[in-house]
Structure formats: C-alpha cells, structure tokens
Amino acid sequence: MPTGPEAARAGLCARCVWLRRVPSSRDQIYYLCERSASDPRFRRYPILPVARCSGFEAVDPGAGTLGG
C-alpha cells in the first residue's frame, strides 16, 4: 500500500484492495485497477488522484494486499 506523498498522489486508490502498483522501466509507478479486468465501468489506469470510486474496497490493515 502506498504511503506518504505517493498515497496522496494516488488518492482513494492508495487504500483500495483492487490496486496493483506497476513499476515501469523508467522509474515510474503506475496504478492498475484490477477491478477493470472483470468490470468495464472501471478504468484500467485511473486518472489520479481518485477522489470517488463506486468500486472502492478498503484494505484490511491486518491482511496482505494486492498492491505489489
């Protein structure tokens, strides 16, 4: 799960179980919404920061996350 400035840049995605961080070869991080694979209402790479999302599900702090 992103923290600090990275979390602020991602917005709501930073705390979502559907987030997967995708590093690029140019030292950038992209935020993939894995919910987009099964639901076309969600953008694969949302415009950041995300302030509202009907698919948001909060990460359980006691569990592992999808956000590699």
C-alpha atoms as a PDB file:
ATOM      1  CA  MET A   1       0.000   0.000   0.000  1.00  0.00           C
ATOM      2  CA  PRO A   2       1.432   3.403  -0.953  1.00  0.00           C
ATOM      3  CA  THR A   3       2.224   5.803   1.882  1.00  0.00           C
ATOM      4  CA  GLY A   4       3.136   9.478   2.295  1.00  0.00           C
ATOM      5  CA  PRO A   5       3.352  11.583  -0.878  1.00  0.00           C
ATOM      6  CA  GLU A   6       2.732   8.525  -3.056  1.00  0.00           C
ATOM      7  CA  ALA A   7      -0.577   7.862  -1.275  1.00  0.00           C
ATOM      8  CA  ALA A   8      -1.627  11.484  -1.692  1.00  0.00           C
ATOM      9  CA  ARG A   9      -0.905  11.261  -5.419  1.00  0.00           C
ATOM     10  CA  ALA A  10      -2.998   8.067  -5.787  1.00  0.00           C
ATOM     11  CA  GLY A  11      -5.900   9.319  -3.682  1.00  0.00           C
ATOM     12  CA  LEU A  12      -8.510   6.707  -2.803  1.00  0.00           C
ATOM     13  CA  CYS A  13      -6.678   4.036  -4.818  1.00  0.00           C
ATOM     14  CA  ALA A  14      -3.899   4.032  -2.217  1.00  0.00           C
ATOM     15  CA  ARG A  15      -6.238   2.343   0.275  1.00  0.00           C
ATOM     16  CA  CYS A  16      -8.096   0.010  -2.121  1.00  0.00           C
ATOM     17  CA  VAL A  17      -7.740  -3.773  -2.292  1.00  0.00           C
ATOM     18  CA  TRP A  18      -8.028  -3.629  -6.105  1.00  0.00           C
ATOM     19  CA  LEU A  19      -4.835  -1.565  -6.520  1.00  0.00           C
ATOM     20  CA  ARG A  20      -1.755  -3.075  -8.122  1.00  0.00           C
ATOM     21  CA  ARG A  21       1.349  -0.918  -8.375  1.00  0.00           C
ATOM     22  CA  VAL A  22       3.115  -1.438 -11.710  1.00  0.00           C
ATOM     23  CA  PRO A  23       6.697  -0.183 -11.900  1.00  0.00           C
ATOM     24  CA  SER A  24       7.985   0.910 -15.306  1.00  0.00           C
ATOM     25  CA  SER A  25      11.479   0.699 -16.715  1.00  0.00           C
ATOM     26  CA  ARG A  26      11.697   4.492 -16.376  1.00  0.00           C
ATOM     27  CA  ASP A  27      11.391   4.520 -12.577  1.00  0.00           C
ATOM     28  CA  GLN A  28       7.719   5.490 -12.625  1.00  0.00           C
ATOM     29  CA  ILE A  29       4.888   3.765 -10.814  1.00  0.00           C
ATOM     30  CA  TYR A  30       1.536   3.183 -12.486  1.00  0.00           C
ATOM     31  CA  TYR A  31      -1.606   2.273 -10.561  1.00  0.00           C
ATOM     32  CA  LEU A  32      -3.604  -0.561 -12.122  1.00  0.00           C
ATOM     33  CA  CYS A  33      -7.200  -1.096 -11.043  1.00  0.00           C
ATOM     34  CA  GLU A  34      -7.563  -4.878 -11.071  1.00  0.00           C
ATOM     35  CA  ARG A  35     -11.327  -4.476 -10.878  1.00  0.00           C
ATOM     36  CA  SER A  36     -11.154  -3.280 -14.502  1.00  0.00           C
ATOM     37  CA  ALA A  37     -10.379  -6.840 -15.631  1.00  0.00           C
ATOM     38  CA  SER A  38     -13.890  -8.013 -14.785  1.00  0.00           C
ATOM     39  CA  ASP A  39     -15.910  -4.783 -14.852  1.00  0.00           C
ATOM     40  CA  PRO A  40     -15.705  -2.354 -17.798  1.00  0.00           C
ATOM     41  CA  ARG A  41     -17.031   0.520 -15.681  1.00  0.00           C
ATOM     42  CA  PHE A  42     -13.559   0.910 -14.170  1.00  0.00           C
ATOM     43  CA  ARG A  43     -10.572   2.389 -15.961  1.00  0.00           C
ATOM     44  CA  ARG A  44      -7.542   0.133 -16.136  1.00  0.00           C
ATOM     45  CA  TYR A  45      -5.260   3.036 -15.167  1.00  0.00           C
ATOM     46  CA  PRO A  46      -7.442   5.696 -13.480  1.00  0.00           C
ATOM     47  CA  ILE A  47      -6.657   9.382 -13.626  1.00  0.00           C
ATOM     48  CA  LEU A  48      -5.060  10.298 -10.312  1.00  0.00           C
ATOM     49  CA  PRO A  49      -5.809  11.320  -7.664  1.00  0.00           C
ATOM     50  CA  VAL A  50      -9.049   9.376  -7.369  1.00  0.00           C
ATOM     51  CA  ALA A  51     -11.475  11.116  -5.004  1.00  0.00           C
ATOM     52  CA  ARG A  52     -14.553   8.907  -5.527  1.00  0.00           C
ATOM     53  CA  CYS A  53     -14.955   5.339  -6.785  1.00  0.00           C
ATOM     54  CA  SER A  54     -18.009   3.090  -6.645  1.00  0.00           C
ATOM     55  CA  GLY A  55     -15.735   0.019  -6.620  1.00  0.00           C
ATOM     56  CA  PHE A  56     -13.581   1.096  -3.691  1.00  0.00           C
ATOM     57  CA  GLU A  57     -12.968  -1.574  -1.056  1.00  0.00           C
ATOM     58  CA  ALA A  58     -10.702  -0.632   1.825  1.00  0.00           C
ATOM     59  CA  VAL A  59      -7.612  -2.688   2.503  1.00  0.00           C
ATOM     60  CA  ASP A  60      -7.825  -4.689   5.721  1.00  0.00           C
ATOM     61  CA  PRO A  61      -4.739  -3.496   7.652  1.00  0.00           C
ATOM     62  CA  GLY A  62      -4.296  -6.977   9.127  1.00  0.00           C
ATOM     63  CA  ALA A  63      -4.291  -8.778   5.760  1.00  0.00           C
ATOM     64  CA  GLY A  64      -1.923  -8.896   2.789  1.00  0.00           C
ATOM     65  CA  THR A  65      -2.621  -6.551  -0.120  1.00  0.00           C
ATOM     66  CA  LEU A  66      -2.649  -6.816  -3.886  1.00  0.00           C
ATOM     67  CA  GLY A  67      -0.502  -3.699  -4.245  1.00  0.00           C
ATOM     68  CA  GLY A  68       2.909  -5.264  -5.052  1.00  0.00           C
END
